[in-house]
Amino acid sequence: MVKENIGAAGARFFPFIFTLFVFLSCMNLIGLVPYTFSPTSHIFVTLGLSLSIFIACTIIGLSTYKLNYFSMFMPVGCPL
C-alpha cells in the first residue's frame, strides 16, 4: 500500500521518514519512565528538528525543480 501511494520517486525518502518516526517514538516513550522527561518536550530539540527538515526540504525542492519550486506555493493561473 505504501509503494502505491509514494511511487518509485518517493521511495528514496522512506528511510528518512522511518528513522524520524522511530526517533520521535523512542524519545516520547522515554517520557513514560518515572522521574524522566521526554527530550522532545525540550524546545531546542523541537526547533532543531523542524529547522533541519525545513532546510532539507527546501534544498531538495530547489535542486529538483529549480526556480519552478516556488511556483508550487501559488494557485494555478494566479497573476504574479
N, C-alpha and C. Protein backbone atom coordinates (compact mmCIF):
# COMPACT_ATOMS: atom_id res chain seq x y z
N MET A 1 0.83 -1.18 0.00
CA MET A 1 0.00 0.00 0.00
C MET A 1 0.88 1.25 0.00
N VAL A 2 1.98 1.23 0.71
CA VAL A 2 2.87 2.38 0.75
C VAL A 2 3.50 2.62 -0.61
N LYS A 3 3.92 1.55 -1.29
CA LYS A 3 4.55 1.70 -2.60
C LYS A 3 3.59 2.31 -3.61
N GLU A 4 2.31 1.99 -3.51
CA GLU A 4 1.32 2.54 -4.43
C GLU A 4 1.13 4.04 -4.19
N ASN A 5 1.23 4.48 -2.95
CA ASN A 5 0.99 5.89 -2.64
C ASN A 5 2.19 6.78 -2.90
N ILE A 6 3.39 6.33 -2.56
CA ILE A 6 4.55 7.21 -2.72
C ILE A 6 5.24 7.04 -4.06
N GLY A 7 5.06 5.93 -4.71
CA GLY A 7 5.67 5.70 -6.01
C GLY A 7 7.16 5.44 -5.91
N ALA A 8 7.78 5.30 -7.06
CA ALA A 8 9.21 4.99 -7.11
C ALA A 8 10.07 6.19 -6.70
N ALA A 9 9.63 7.39 -7.06
CA ALA A 9 10.43 8.58 -6.74
C ALA A 9 10.40 8.88 -5.25
N GLY A 10 9.30 8.62 -4.59
CA GLY A 10 9.20 8.90 -3.16
C GLY A 10 9.80 7.82 -2.29
N ALA A 11 10.10 6.67 -2.86
CA ALA A 11 10.64 5.57 -2.07
C ALA A 11 12.02 5.87 -1.51
N ARG A 12 12.73 6.80 -2.13
CA ARG A 12 14.07 7.12 -1.61
C ARG A 12 14.00 7.89 -0.30
N PHE A 13 12.85 8.47 0.03
CA PHE A 13 12.70 9.20 1.29
C PHE A 13 12.16 8.33 2.42
N PHE A 14 11.81 7.09 2.13
CA PHE A 14 11.25 6.22 3.16
C PHE A 14 12.21 5.99 4.33
N PRO A 15 13.50 5.73 4.12
CA PRO A 15 14.39 5.54 5.28
C PRO A 15 14.44 6.76 6.19
N PHE A 16 14.42 7.95 5.62
CA PHE A 16 14.43 9.17 6.45
C PHE A 16 13.16 9.29 7.27
N ILE A 17 12.01 9.07 6.63
CA ILE A 17 10.74 9.19 7.33
C ILE A 17 10.62 8.11 8.41
N PHE A 18 11.06 6.91 8.12
CA PHE A 18 11.01 5.83 9.10
C PHE A 18 11.94 6.12 10.28
N THR A 19 13.14 6.62 10.00
CA THR A 19 14.08 6.96 11.06
C THR A 19 13.53 8.08 11.93
N LEU A 20 12.92 9.08 11.32
CA LEU A 20 12.32 10.17 12.08
C LEU A 20 11.17 9.67 12.95
N PHE A 21 10.37 8.77 12.42
CA PHE A 21 9.27 8.18 13.20
C PHE A 21 9.79 7.40 14.40
N VAL A 22 10.80 6.57 14.18
CA VAL A 22 11.35 5.77 15.28
C VAL A 22 12.01 6.66 16.33
N PHE A 23 12.74 7.68 15.88
CA PHE A 23 13.38 8.60 16.82
C PHE A 23 12.35 9.30 17.70
N LEU A 24 11.32 9.86 17.07
CA LEU A 24 10.30 10.56 17.85
C LEU A 24 9.54 9.62 18.77
N SER A 25 9.25 8.42 18.30
CA SER A 25 8.56 7.45 19.15
C SER A 25 9.39 7.07 20.36
N CYS A 26 10.67 6.79 20.15
CA CYS A 26 11.54 6.40 21.27
C CYS A 26 11.72 7.55 22.25
N MET A 27 11.88 8.77 21.75
CA MET A 27 12.06 9.91 22.64
C MET A 27 10.79 10.18 23.46
N ASN A 28 9.63 9.96 22.87
CA ASN A 28 8.40 10.15 23.62
C ASN A 28 8.15 9.00 24.60
N LEU A 29 8.59 7.79 24.25
CA LEU A 29 8.45 6.67 25.18
C LEU A 29 9.36 6.82 26.39
N ILE A 30 10.49 7.49 26.21
CA ILE A 30 11.37 7.74 27.36
C ILE A 30 10.63 8.57 28.40
N GLY A 31 9.76 9.45 27.97
CA GLY A 31 8.99 10.28 28.89
C GLY A 31 8.01 9.50 29.73
N LEU A 32 7.73 8.25 29.38
CA LEU A 32 6.81 7.43 30.19
C LEU A 32 7.50 6.79 31.38
N VAL A 33 8.83 6.80 31.39
CA VAL A 33 9.58 6.25 32.51
C VAL A 33 9.48 7.23 33.67
N PRO A 34 9.17 6.75 34.88
CA PRO A 34 9.04 7.66 36.03
C PRO A 34 10.33 8.43 36.30
N TYR A 35 10.18 9.67 36.71
CA TYR A 35 11.28 10.58 37.06
C TYR A 35 12.14 10.97 35.86
N THR A 36 11.61 10.90 34.67
CA THR A 36 12.31 11.38 33.47
C THR A 36 11.37 12.31 32.72
N PHE A 37 11.88 12.97 31.73
CA PHE A 37 11.05 13.79 30.85
C PHE A 37 11.38 13.41 29.42
N SER A 38 10.44 13.64 28.55
CA SER A 38 10.70 13.30 27.15
C SER A 38 11.56 14.39 26.53
N PRO A 39 12.65 14.01 25.88
CA PRO A 39 13.54 15.01 25.26
C PRO A 39 12.84 15.84 24.19
N THR A 40 11.79 15.33 23.58
CA THR A 40 11.11 16.10 22.55
C THR A 40 10.27 17.23 23.13
N SER A 41 10.10 17.27 24.45
CA SER A 41 9.40 18.39 25.05
C SER A 41 10.32 19.59 25.23
N HIS A 42 11.61 19.40 25.05
CA HIS A 42 12.57 20.49 25.13
C HIS A 42 12.50 21.29 23.83
N ILE A 43 12.43 22.62 23.95
CA ILE A 43 12.20 23.47 22.77
C ILE A 43 13.33 23.39 21.76
N PHE A 44 14.56 23.16 22.21
CA PHE A 44 15.67 23.14 21.27
C PHE A 44 15.69 21.87 20.42
N VAL A 45 15.21 20.77 20.93
CA VAL A 45 15.11 19.54 20.14
C VAL A 45 14.05 19.73 19.06
N THR A 46 12.91 20.28 19.45
CA THR A 46 11.83 20.52 18.50
C THR A 46 12.25 21.54 17.45
N LEU A 47 12.88 22.62 17.88
CA LEU A 47 13.34 23.65 16.95
C LEU A 47 14.42 23.12 16.01
N GLY A 48 15.35 22.34 16.53
CA GLY A 48 16.41 21.78 15.70
C GLY A 48 15.88 20.82 14.65
N LEU A 49 14.97 19.95 15.05
CA LEU A 49 14.38 19.01 14.09
C LEU A 49 13.58 19.75 13.01
N SER A 50 12.77 20.69 13.43
CA SER A 50 11.92 21.38 12.46
C SER A 50 12.75 22.23 11.50
N LEU A 51 13.75 22.92 11.99
CA LEU A 51 14.58 23.74 11.09
C LEU A 51 15.40 22.88 10.13
N SER A 52 15.94 21.80 10.63
CA SER A 52 16.75 20.95 9.74
C SER A 52 15.89 20.31 8.66
N ILE A 53 14.69 19.89 8.99
CA ILE A 53 13.79 19.29 8.00
C ILE A 53 13.32 20.35 7.01
N PHE A 54 13.01 21.55 7.48
CA PHE A 54 12.58 22.63 6.59
C PHE A 54 13.69 23.00 5.60
N ILE A 55 14.91 23.13 6.09
CA ILE A 55 16.03 23.47 5.21
C ILE A 55 16.31 22.34 4.23
N ALA A 56 16.25 21.10 4.69
CA ALA A 56 16.49 19.97 3.80
C ALA A 56 15.42 19.88 2.71
N CYS A 57 14.16 20.08 3.07
CA CYS A 57 13.08 20.04 2.06
C CYS A 57 13.23 21.17 1.05
N THR A 58 13.64 22.35 1.50
CA THR A 58 13.84 23.46 0.58
C THR A 58 15.00 23.18 -0.37
N ILE A 59 16.09 22.64 0.13
CA ILE A 59 17.24 22.33 -0.72
C ILE A 59 16.89 21.24 -1.73
N ILE A 60 16.19 20.20 -1.29
CA ILE A 60 15.80 19.12 -2.21
C ILE A 60 14.83 19.64 -3.26
N GLY A 61 13.88 20.49 -2.85
CA GLY A 61 12.94 21.06 -3.81
C GLY A 61 13.61 21.95 -4.83
N LEU A 62 14.54 22.78 -4.38
CA LEU A 62 15.26 23.65 -5.31
C LEU A 62 16.15 22.86 -6.26
N SER A 63 16.78 21.80 -5.76
CA SER A 63 17.64 21.01 -6.64
C SER A 63 16.83 20.18 -7.64
N THR A 64 15.62 19.81 -7.26
CA THR A 64 14.79 19.01 -8.15
C THR A 64 14.05 19.87 -9.18
N TYR A 65 13.41 20.95 -8.72
CA TYR A 65 12.54 21.74 -9.59
C TYR A 65 13.10 23.10 -9.98
N LYS A 66 14.32 23.43 -9.53
CA LYS A 66 14.95 24.74 -9.80
C LYS A 66 14.03 25.86 -9.33
N LEU A 67 13.85 26.92 -10.10
CA LEU A 67 13.02 28.05 -9.65
C LEU A 67 11.52 27.78 -9.76
N ASN A 68 11.13 26.71 -10.47
CA ASN A 68 9.71 26.33 -10.51
C ASN A 68 9.22 25.83 -9.15
N TYR A 69 10.14 25.58 -8.25
CA TYR A 69 9.77 25.12 -6.90
C TYR A 69 8.88 26.16 -6.21
N PHE A 70 9.17 27.43 -6.39
CA PHE A 70 8.40 28.48 -5.72
C PHE A 70 7.01 28.63 -6.32
N SER A 71 6.83 28.22 -7.57
CA SER A 71 5.50 28.32 -8.19
C SER A 71 4.53 27.30 -7.60
N MET A 72 5.04 26.31 -6.88
CA MET A 72 4.14 25.32 -6.25
C MET A 72 3.36 25.90 -5.08
N PHE A 73 3.79 27.05 -4.59
CA PHE A 73 3.12 27.68 -3.45
C PHE A 73 2.02 28.65 -3.86
N MET A 74 1.82 28.82 -5.17
CA MET A 74 0.79 29.72 -5.68
C MET A 74 -0.25 28.93 -6.47
N PRO A 75 -1.51 29.37 -6.45
CA PRO A 75 -2.53 28.68 -7.24
C PRO A 75 -2.25 28.83 -8.73
N VAL A 76 -2.72 27.87 -9.51
CA VAL A 76 -2.53 27.89 -10.96
C VAL A 76 -3.36 29.03 -11.54
N GLY A 77 -2.74 29.81 -12.43
CA GLY A 77 -3.44 30.91 -13.09
C GLY A 77 -3.42 32.21 -12.31
N CYS A 78 -2.80 32.24 -11.17
CA CYS A 78 -2.75 33.46 -10.36
C CYS A 78 -1.70 34.41 -10.94
N PRO A 79 -2.06 35.68 -11.18
CA PRO A 79 -1.07 36.60 -11.74
C PRO A 79 0.00 36.92 -10.70
N LEU A 80 1.21 37.16 -11.19
CA LEU A 80 2.32 37.44 -10.29
C LEU A 80 2.12 38.78 -9.63
